[in-house]
């Protein structure tokens, strides 16, 4: 059962009365986005393959959030989850396709399983979620879709052919969706994070992380809040005339 959360005096309110479905929200960037959306007044579905992680994040956000255990590679489950949330929340205003994985290997050593798994989560998952969400947004004649690409999708990275291909494809997907649904009052944009501190990057060798940060003109690694701020903007009324774009959030690493 859905419970409407009250907007407190501490809420900035850019997303008041909006409903949002965020995938991969059990940790890292997705968690940061879910938290920011709730602070701005939205009601949020915290979706993650780990039901435990989703429930932990949702519990911390109070009555304005609900946990959804979801494997984005299962199209039937995606449809049921988005339909169920939309019905309980009274509509769907925002979809954030953030769920993603990496499984690195040199191209000549990359297995079929590695290639397929990354494309399934990062690209197929975004397709399944977007298709399910649009079935509601088109009828409402409003909506915001935010896809999580990557700096790697622009410049490539050794040993990440699968990841780079999926993130680059998301950009083309975003532009196509934007053109297809613009007449229905729906925007579609992508965010391309640079080096962001998450549980995934924490697994990298310290020396590698230090080297990357040294290359960032702003002199620090990004935080989930940096990406969340961009997501709030693209989901808000302030971005109503922006669609089909890629917002690079990388501290100048791509300059």
C-alpha atoms as a PDB file:
ATOM      1  CA  UNK A   1       0.000   0.000   0.000  1.00  0.00           C
ATOM      2  CA  UNK A   2       1.289   3.442  -0.934  1.00  0.00           C
ATOM      3  CA  UNK A   3       1.458   6.148   1.700  1.00  0.00           C
ATOM      4  CA  UNK A   4       1.809   9.791   0.640  1.00  0.00           C
ATOM      5  CA  UNK A   5       4.714  11.538   2.361  1.00  0.00           C
ATOM      6  CA  UNK A   6       4.327  15.069   3.612  1.00  0.00           C
ATOM      7  CA  UNK A   7       6.661  17.733   2.297  1.00  0.00           C
ATOM      8  CA  UNK A   8       8.575  19.243   5.181  1.00  0.00           C
ATOM      9  CA  UNK A   9       9.906  22.759   5.537  1.00  0.00           C
ATOM     10  CA  UNK A  10      13.350  21.376   4.718  1.00  0.00           C
ATOM     11  CA  UNK A  11      12.195  20.178   1.289  1.00  0.00           C
ATOM     12  CA  UNK A  12      13.328  22.381  -1.573  1.00  0.00           C
ATOM     13  CA  UNK A  13      10.285  21.244  -3.505  1.00  0.00           C
ATOM     14  CA  UNK A  14      11.405  21.073  -7.133  1.00  0.00           C
ATOM     15  CA  UNK A  15       9.733  17.667  -7.457  1.00  0.00           C
ATOM     16  CA  UNK A  16       6.737  18.115  -5.175  1.00  0.00           C
ATOM     17  CA  UNK A  17       3.855  15.774  -6.061  1.00  0.00           C
ATOM     18  CA  UNK A  18       6.000  13.964  -8.666  1.00  0.00           C
ATOM     19  CA  UNK A  19       6.396  10.199  -8.727  1.00  0.00           C
ATOM     20  CA  UNK A  20       9.689   8.589  -9.719  1.00  0.00           C
ATOM     21  CA  UNK A  21      10.922   5.077 -10.448  1.00  0.00           C
ATOM     22  CA  UNK A  22      14.711   4.742  -9.969  1.00  0.00           C
ATOM     23  CA  UNK A  23      16.540   1.532 -10.888  1.00  0.00           C
ATOM     24  CA  UNK A  24      19.781   0.448  -9.255  1.00  0.00           C
ATOM     25  CA  UNK A  25      18.793   2.590  -6.281  1.00  0.00           C
ATOM     26  CA  UNK A  26      20.066   0.261  -3.581  1.00  0.00           C
ATOM     27  CA  UNK A  27      23.514   1.870  -3.495  1.00  0.00           C
ATOM     28  CA  UNK A  28      25.869   4.364  -5.094  1.00  0.00           C
ATOM     29  CA  UNK A  29      24.544   6.825  -7.651  1.00  0.00           C
ATOM     30  CA  UNK A  30      21.044   5.367  -7.671  1.00  0.00           C
ATOM     31  CA  UNK A  31      20.745   5.715  -3.937  1.00  0.00           C
ATOM     32  CA  UNK A  32      21.944   9.299  -4.141  1.00  0.00           C
ATOM     33  CA  UNK A  33      19.315  10.070  -6.767  1.00  0.00           C
ATOM     34  CA  UNK A  34      16.514   8.461  -4.731  1.00  0.00           C
ATOM     35  CA  UNK A  35      17.538  10.459  -1.670  1.00  0.00           C
ATOM     36  CA  UNK A  36      17.697  13.723  -3.618  1.00  0.00           C
ATOM     37  CA  UNK A  37      14.310  13.118  -5.222  1.00  0.00           C
ATOM     38  CA  UNK A  38      12.683  12.549  -1.840  1.00  0.00           C
ATOM     39  CA  UNK A  39      14.292  15.710  -0.462  1.00  0.00           C
ATOM     40  CA  UNK A  40      12.786  17.601  -3.385  1.00  0.00           C
ATOM     41  CA  UNK A  41       9.307  16.303  -2.585  1.00  0.00           C
ATOM     42  CA  UNK A  42       8.925  13.287  -4.882  1.00  0.00           C
ATOM     43  CA  UNK A  43       7.477   9.902  -4.075  1.00  0.00           C
ATOM     44  CA  UNK A  44      10.059   7.318  -5.133  1.00  0.00           C
ATOM     45  CA  UNK A  45      10.214   3.643  -6.012  1.00  0.00           C
ATOM     46  CA  UNK A  46      13.629   2.421  -4.868  1.00  0.00           C
ATOM     47  CA  UNK A  47      14.204  -0.443  -7.313  1.00  0.00           C
ATOM     48  CA  UNK A  48      17.178  -2.775  -7.067  1.00  0.00           C
ATOM     49  CA  UNK A  49      18.065  -6.382  -7.817  1.00  0.00           C
ATOM     50  CA  UNK A  50      18.963  -6.682  -4.148  1.00  0.00           C
ATOM     51  CA  UNK A  51      15.669  -6.514  -2.324  1.00  0.00           C
ATOM     52  CA  UNK A  52      17.520  -6.127   0.957  1.00  0.00           C
ATOM     53  CA  UNK A  53      19.402  -3.063  -0.306  1.00  0.00           C
ATOM     54  CA  UNK A  54      16.218  -1.546  -1.739  1.00  0.00           C
ATOM     55  CA  UNK A  55      14.361  -2.045   1.527  1.00  0.00           C
ATOM     56  CA  UNK A  56      17.216  -0.546   3.547  1.00  0.00           C
ATOM     57  CA  UNK A  57      17.332   2.607   1.408  1.00  0.00           C
ATOM     58  CA  UNK A  58      13.548   2.974   1.304  1.00  0.00           C
ATOM     59  CA  UNK A  59      13.298   2.562   5.076  1.00  0.00           C
ATOM     60  CA  UNK A  60      15.783   5.376   5.534  1.00  0.00           C
ATOM     61  CA  UNK A  61      13.719   7.640   3.312  1.00  0.00           C
ATOM     62  CA  UNK A  62      10.483   7.115   5.211  1.00  0.00           C
ATOM     63  CA  UNK A  63       6.946   7.150   3.868  1.00  0.00           C
ATOM     64  CA  UNK A  64       7.943   8.903   0.633  1.00  0.00           C
ATOM     65  CA  UNK A  65       9.712   5.788  -0.642  1.00  0.00           C
ATOM     66  CA  UNK A  66       8.791   2.200  -1.406  1.00  0.00           C
ATOM     67  CA  UNK A  67      11.195  -0.679  -2.065  1.00  0.00           C
ATOM     68  CA  UNK A  68      10.931  -2.710  -5.272  1.00  0.00           C
ATOM     69  CA  UNK A  69      13.017  -5.850  -5.808  1.00  0.00           C
ATOM     70  CA  UNK A  70      13.627  -5.928  -9.548  1.00  0.00           C
ATOM     71  CA  UNK A  71      15.839  -7.619 -12.131  1.00  0.00           C
ATOM     72  CA  UNK A  72      15.787  -5.182 -15.063  1.00  0.00           C
ATOM     73  CA  UNK A  73      16.675  -7.967 -17.507  1.00  0.00           C
ATOM     74  CA  UNK A  74      13.294  -9.623 -16.901  1.00  0.00           C
ATOM     75  CA  UNK A  75      10.893  -7.689 -19.142  1.00  0.00           C
ATOM     76  CA  UNK A  76       7.771  -9.198 -17.593  1.00  0.00           C
ATOM     77  CA  UNK A  77       8.865  -8.311 -14.078  1.00  0.00           C
ATOM     78  CA  UNK A  78       9.768  -4.799 -15.209  1.00  0.00           C
ATOM     79  CA  UNK A  79       6.309  -4.251 -16.651  1.00  0.00           C
ATOM     80  CA  UNK A  80       4.574  -5.578 -13.553  1.00  0.00           C
ATOM     81  CA  UNK A  81       6.758  -3.504 -11.213  1.00  0.00           C
ATOM     82  CA  UNK A  82       6.262  -0.243 -13.091  1.00  0.00           C
ATOM     83  CA  UNK A  83       2.550  -0.876 -13.602  1.00  0.00           C
ATOM     84  CA  UNK A  84       2.131  -1.672  -9.911  1.00  0.00           C
ATOM     85  CA  UNK A  85       3.991   1.389  -8.705  1.00  0.00           C
ATOM     86  CA  UNK A  86       2.182   3.647 -11.144  1.00  0.00           C
ATOM     87  CA  UNK A  87      -1.200   2.376  -9.999  1.00  0.00           C
ATOM     88  CA  UNK A  88      -0.394   2.765  -6.301  1.00  0.00           C
ATOM     89  CA  UNK A  89       1.225   6.180  -6.728  1.00  0.00           C
ATOM     90  CA  UNK A  90      -1.445   7.565  -9.017  1.00  0.00           C
ATOM     91  CA  UNK A  91       0.817   8.098 -12.005  1.00  0.00           C
ATOM     92  CA  UNK A  92       4.427   8.021 -13.155  1.00  0.00           C
ATOM     93  CA  UNK A  93       6.296  11.258 -13.811  1.00  0.00           C
ATOM     94  CA  UNK A  94       9.966  10.279 -13.800  1.00  0.00           C
ATOM     95  CA  UNK A  95      11.988   7.218 -14.784  1.00  0.00           C
ATOM     96  CA  UNK A  96      15.699   6.996 -14.023  1.00  0.00           C
ATOM     97  CA  UNK A  97      17.469   4.121 -15.771  1.00  0.00           C
ATOM     98  CA  UNK A  98      20.468   3.839 -13.491  1.00  0.00           C
ATOM     99  CA  UNK A  99      20.917   0.065 -13.024  1.00  0.00           C
ATOM    100  CA  UNK A 100      24.210  -1.051 -14.498  1.00  0.00           C
ATOM    101  CA  UNK A 101      27.090  -3.478 -14.154  1.00  0.00           C
ATOM    102  CA  UNK A 102      30.674  -3.761 -15.383  1.00  0.00           C
ATOM    103  CA  UNK A 103      32.548  -6.983 -16.158  1.00  0.00           C
ATOM    104  CA  UNK A 104      35.945  -6.056 -17.545  1.00  0.00           C
ATOM    105  CA  UNK A 105      38.292  -8.032 -19.761  1.00  0.00           C
ATOM    106  CA  UNK A 106      40.552  -7.505 -22.745  1.00  0.00           C
ATOM    107  CA  UNK A 107      38.497  -7.848 -25.918  1.00  0.00           C
ATOM    108  CA  UNK A 108      40.309 -10.989 -27.054  1.00  0.00           C
ATOM    109  CA  UNK A 109      39.701 -12.571 -23.644  1.00  0.00           C
ATOM    110  CA  UNK A 110      36.114 -11.389 -23.160  1.00  0.00           C
ATOM    111  CA  UNK A 111      33.644 -14.251 -23.023  1.00  0.00           C
ATOM    112  CA  UNK A 112      30.212 -14.323 -24.601  1.00  0.00           C
ATOM    113  CA  UNK A 113      28.778 -14.327 -21.091  1.00  0.00           C
ATOM    114  CA  UNK A 114      30.664 -11.144 -20.141  1.00  0.00           C
ATOM    115  CA  UNK A 115      29.540  -9.314 -23.255  1.00  0.00           C
ATOM    116  CA  UNK A 116      25.926 -10.421 -23.003  1.00  0.00           C
ATOM    117  CA  UNK A 117      25.526  -9.826 -19.257  1.00  0.00           C
ATOM    118  CA  UNK A 118      26.659  -6.201 -19.427  1.00  0.00           C
ATOM    119  CA  UNK A 119      24.541  -5.406 -22.493  1.00  0.00           C
ATOM    120  CA  UNK A 120      21.534  -7.138 -20.926  1.00  0.00           C
ATOM    121  CA  UNK A 121      21.604  -5.047 -17.755  1.00  0.00           C
ATOM    122  CA  UNK A 122      22.873  -1.726 -19.080  1.00  0.00           C
ATOM    123  CA  UNK A 123      21.028  -1.544 -22.399  1.00  0.00           C
ATOM    124  CA  UNK A 124      18.216  -4.096 -22.488  1.00  0.00           C
ATOM    125  CA  UNK A 125      17.205  -3.097 -18.954  1.00  0.00           C
ATOM    126  CA  UNK A 126      16.869   0.549 -19.980  1.00  0.00           C
ATOM    127  CA  UNK A 127      14.780  -0.483 -22.980  1.00  0.00           C
ATOM    128  CA  UNK A 128      12.426  -2.650 -20.915  1.00  0.00           C
ATOM    129  CA  UNK A 129      11.945   0.044 -18.264  1.00  0.00           C
ATOM    130  CA  UNK A 130      11.485   2.859 -20.773  1.00  0.00           C
ATOM    131  CA  UNK A 131       8.955   0.890 -22.799  1.00  0.00           C
ATOM    132  CA  UNK A 132       6.941   0.085 -19.680  1.00  0.00           C
ATOM    133  CA  UNK A 133       7.103   3.654 -18.383  1.00  0.00           C
ATOM    134  CA  UNK A 134       6.131   5.257 -21.685  1.00  0.00           C
ATOM    135  CA  UNK A 135       2.914   3.277 -21.785  1.00  0.00           C
ATOM    136  CA  UNK A 136       1.844   5.422 -18.829  1.00  0.00           C
ATOM    137  CA  UNK A 137       3.591   8.686 -19.681  1.00  0.00           C
ATOM    138  CA  UNK A 138       2.183   8.885 -23.207  1.00  0.00           C
ATOM    139  CA  UNK A 139      -1.368   8.768 -21.887  1.00  0.00           C
ATOM    140  CA  UNK A 140      -0.561  11.423 -19.275  1.00  0.00           C
ATOM    141  CA  UNK A 141       1.143  13.570 -21.935  1.00  0.00           C
ATOM    142  CA  UNK A 142       3.985  14.324 -19.550  1.00  0.00           C
ATOM    143  CA  UNK A 143       7.106  12.627 -18.242  1.00  0.00           C
ATOM    144  CA  UNK A 144      10.849  12.729 -17.709  1.00  0.00           C
ATOM    145  CA  UNK A 145      13.252   9.942 -18.645  1.00  0.00           C
ATOM    146  CA  UNK A 146      16.856  10.122 -17.402  1.00  0.00           C
ATOM    147  CA  UNK A 147      19.322   7.489 -18.631  1.00  0.00           C
ATOM    148  CA  UNK A 148      22.669   6.898 -16.973  1.00  0.00           C
ATOM    149  CA  UNK A 149      25.392   6.785 -19.604  1.00  0.00           C
ATOM    150  CA  UNK A 150      29.100   7.230 -18.786  1.00  0.00           C
ATOM    151  CA  UNK A 151      32.155   9.189 -19.799  1.00  0.00           C
ATOM    152  CA  UNK A 152      33.409   5.820 -21.091  1.00  0.00           C
ATOM    153  CA  UNK A 153      30.558   5.792 -23.607  1.00  0.00           C
ATOM    154  CA  UNK A 154      32.130   8.881 -25.196  1.00  0.00           C
ATOM    155  CA  UNK A 155      35.841   8.179 -25.210  1.00  0.00           C
ATOM    156  CA  UNK A 156      36.087   4.417 -24.673  1.00  0.00           C
ATOM    157  CA  UNK A 157      38.283   2.548 -22.233  1.00  0.00           C
ATOM    158  CA  UNK A 158      40.610  -0.455 -22.619  1.00  0.00           C
ATOM    159  CA  UNK A 159      39.161  -3.696 -21.234  1.00  0.00           C
ATOM    160  CA  UNK A 160      35.649  -2.256 -21.204  1.00  0.00           C
ATOM    161  CA  UNK A 161      34.367  -2.918 -24.722  1.00  0.00           C
ATOM    162  CA  UNK A 162      31.100  -4.296 -23.362  1.00  0.00           C
ATOM    163  CA  UNK A 163      30.555  -1.448 -20.890  1.00  0.00           C
ATOM    164  CA  UNK A 164      31.551   1.292 -23.344  1.00  0.00           C
ATOM    165  CA  UNK A 165      29.324  -0.187 -26.059  1.00  0.00           C
ATOM    166  CA  UNK A 166      26.334  -0.284 -23.711  1.00  0.00           C
ATOM    167  CA  UNK A 167      26.834   3.268 -22.464  1.00  0.00           C
ATOM    168  CA  UNK A 168      27.438   4.673 -25.938  1.00  0.00           C
ATOM    169  CA  UNK A 169      24.318   2.901 -27.184  1.00  0.00           C
ATOM    170  CA  UNK A 170      22.323   4.506 -24.377  1.00  0.00           C
ATOM    171  CA  UNK A 171      23.125   7.911 -25.840  1.00  0.00           C
ATOM    172  CA  UNK A 172      21.720   6.935 -29.240  1.00  0.00           C
ATOM    173  CA  UNK A 173      18.739   5.327 -27.503  1.00  0.00           C
ATOM    174  CA  UNK A 174      18.109   8.513 -25.519  1.00  0.00           C
ATOM    175  CA  UNK A 175      18.141  10.708 -28.615  1.00  0.00           C
ATOM    176  CA  UNK A 176      15.756   8.403 -30.455  1.00  0.00           C
ATOM    177  CA  UNK A 177      13.326   8.229 -27.536  1.00  0.00           C
ATOM    178  CA  UNK A 178      13.463  12.018 -27.223  1.00  0.00           C
ATOM    179  CA  UNK A 179      12.419  12.484 -30.845  1.00  0.00           C
ATOM    180  CA  UNK A 180       9.758   9.808 -30.650  1.00  0.00           C
ATOM    181  CA  UNK A 181       7.882  11.167 -27.616  1.00  0.00           C
ATOM    182  CA  UNK A 182       8.529  14.912 -27.666  1.00  0.00           C
ATOM    183  CA  UNK A 183       5.071  15.587 -29.102  1.00  0.00           C
ATOM    184  CA  UNK A 184       3.596  13.932 -25.985  1.00  0.00           C
ATOM    185  CA  UNK A 185       5.242  16.330 -23.581  1.00  0.00           C
ATOM    186  CA  UNK A 186       7.923  13.812 -22.552  1.00  0.00           C
ATOM    187  CA  UNK A 187      11.640  14.560 -22.412  1.00  0.00           C
ATOM    188  CA  UNK A 188      14.502  12.060 -22.496  1.00  0.00           C
ATOM    189  CA  UNK A 189      18.050  12.973 -21.524  1.00  0.00           C
ATOM    190  CA  UNK A 190      21.201  11.204 -20.408  1.00  0.00           C
ATOM    191  CA  UNK A 191      23.769  11.890 -17.722  1.00  0.00           C
ATOM    192  CA  UNK A 192      27.357  10.803 -18.341  1.00  0.00           C
ATOM    193  CA  UNK A 193      29.214  10.582 -15.018  1.00  0.00           C
ATOM    194  CA  UNK A 194      32.973  10.693 -14.827  1.00  0.00           C
ATOM    195  CA  UNK A 195      34.891   9.126 -11.948  1.00  0.00           C
ATOM    196  CA  UNK A 196      32.370   8.884  -9.103  1.00  0.00           C
ATOM    197  CA  UNK A 197      32.994   7.442  -5.623  1.00  0.00           C
ATOM    198  CA  UNK A 198      30.718   4.383  -5.356  1.00  0.00           C
ATOM    199  CA  UNK A 199      31.023   0.831  -3.980  1.00  0.00           C
ATOM    200  CA  UNK A 200      32.050  -0.190  -7.501  1.00  0.00           C
ATOM    201  CA  UNK A 201      34.957   2.262  -7.786  1.00  0.00           C
ATOM    202  CA  UNK A 202      35.993   1.488  -4.210  1.00  0.00           C
ATOM    203  CA  UNK A 203      37.071  -1.931  -5.510  1.00  0.00           C
ATOM    204  CA  UNK A 204      39.664  -0.343  -7.793  1.00  0.00           C
ATOM    205  CA  UNK A 205      43.326  -0.280  -6.684  1.00  0.00           C
ATOM    206  CA  UNK A 206      44.184   2.835  -4.689  1.00  0.00           C
ATOM    207  CA  UNK A 207      46.938   3.785  -7.129  1.00  0.00           C
ATOM    208  CA  UNK A 208      44.514   3.674 -10.064  1.00  0.00           C
ATOM    209  CA  UNK A 209      41.945   5.821  -8.249  1.00  0.00           C
ATOM    210  CA  UNK A 210      44.647   8.338  -7.285  1.00  0.00           C
ATOM    211  CA  UNK A 211      45.863   8.577 -10.867  1.00  0.00           C
ATOM    212  CA  UNK A 212      42.365   9.230 -12.232  1.00  0.00           C
ATOM    213  CA  UNK A 213      41.723  11.970  -9.679  1.00  0.00           C
ATOM    214  CA  UNK A 214      44.989  13.629 -10.685  1.00  0.00           C
ATOM    215  CA  UNK A 215      43.598  13.949 -14.213  1.00  0.00           C
ATOM    216  CA  UNK A 216      40.425  15.740 -13.072  1.00  0.00           C
ATOM    217  CA  UNK A 217      40.770  19.540 -13.492  1.00  0.00           C
ATOM    218  CA  UNK A 218      38.574  20.194 -10.454  1.00  0.00           C
ATOM    219  CA  UNK A 219      40.966  18.060  -8.409  1.00  0.00           C
ATOM    220  CA  UNK A 220      38.580  15.576  -6.823  1.00  0.00           C
ATOM    221  CA  UNK A 221      36.504  12.515  -7.547  1.00  0.00           C
ATOM    222  CA  UNK A 222      32.801  13.029  -8.060  1.00  0.00           C
ATOM    223  CA  UNK A 223      30.224  12.090  -5.450  1.00  0.00           C
ATOM    224  CA  UNK A 224      26.806  10.493  -5.938  1.00  0.00           C
ATOM    225  CA  UNK A 225      25.310  13.844  -4.923  1.00  0.00           C
ATOM    226  CA  UNK A 226      26.933  15.468  -7.969  1.00  0.00           C
ATOM    227  CA  UNK A 227      25.034  13.121 -10.257  1.00  0.00           C
ATOM    228  CA  UNK A 228      21.881  13.365  -8.168  1.00  0.00           C
ATOM    229  CA  UNK A 229      21.873  17.153  -8.548  1.00  0.00           C
ATOM    230  CA  UNK A 230      21.979  16.754 -12.324  1.00  0.00           C
ATOM    231  CA  UNK A 231      19.169  14.201 -12.211  1.00  0.00           C
ATOM    232  CA  UNK A 232      16.978  16.518 -10.123  1.00  0.00           C
ATOM    233  CA  UNK A 233      17.510  19.299 -12.652  1.00  0.00           C
ATOM    234  CA  UNK A 234      16.636  17.126 -15.660  1.00  0.00           C
ATOM    235  CA  UNK A 235      13.559  15.783 -13.864  1.00  0.00           C
ATOM    236  CA  UNK A 236      12.333  19.251 -12.867  1.00  0.00           C
ATOM    237  CA  UNK A 237      10.291  21.904 -14.646  1.00  0.00           C
ATOM    238  CA  UNK A 238      13.506  23.889 -15.116  1.00  0.00           C
ATOM    239  CA  UNK A 239      14.573  21.382 -17.808  1.00  0.00           C
ATOM    240  CA  UNK A 240      11.261  21.404 -19.632  1.00  0.00           C
ATOM    241  CA  UNK A 241      12.815  22.636 -22.898  1.00  0.00           C
ATOM    242  CA  UNK A 242      15.792  20.249 -22.796  1.00  0.00           C
ATOM    243  CA  UNK A 243      15.555  16.877 -24.492  1.00  0.00           C
ATOM    244  CA  UNK A 244      17.823  14.456 -26.346  1.00  0.00           C
ATOM    245  CA  UNK A 245      20.903  15.808 -24.587  1.00  0.00           C
ATOM    246  CA  UNK A 246      23.839  14.311 -22.692  1.00  0.00           C
ATOM    247  CA  UNK A 247      24.857  16.140 -19.525  1.00  0.00           C
ATOM    248  CA  UNK A 248      28.502  15.366 -18.733  1.00  0.00           C
ATOM    249  CA  UNK A 249      29.257  15.509 -15.009  1.00  0.00           C
ATOM    250  CA  UNK A 250      32.957  14.760 -14.655  1.00  0.00           C
ATOM    251  CA  UNK A 251      34.818  17.664 -13.049  1.00  0.00           C
ATOM    252  CA  UNK A 252      36.320  18.609 -16.416  1.00  0.00           C
ATOM    253  CA  UNK A 253      37.846  15.183 -17.131  1.00  0.00           C
ATOM    254  CA  UNK A 254      36.492  15.251 -20.688  1.00  0.00           C
ATOM    255  CA  UNK A 255      37.793  18.721 -21.569  1.00  0.00           C
END
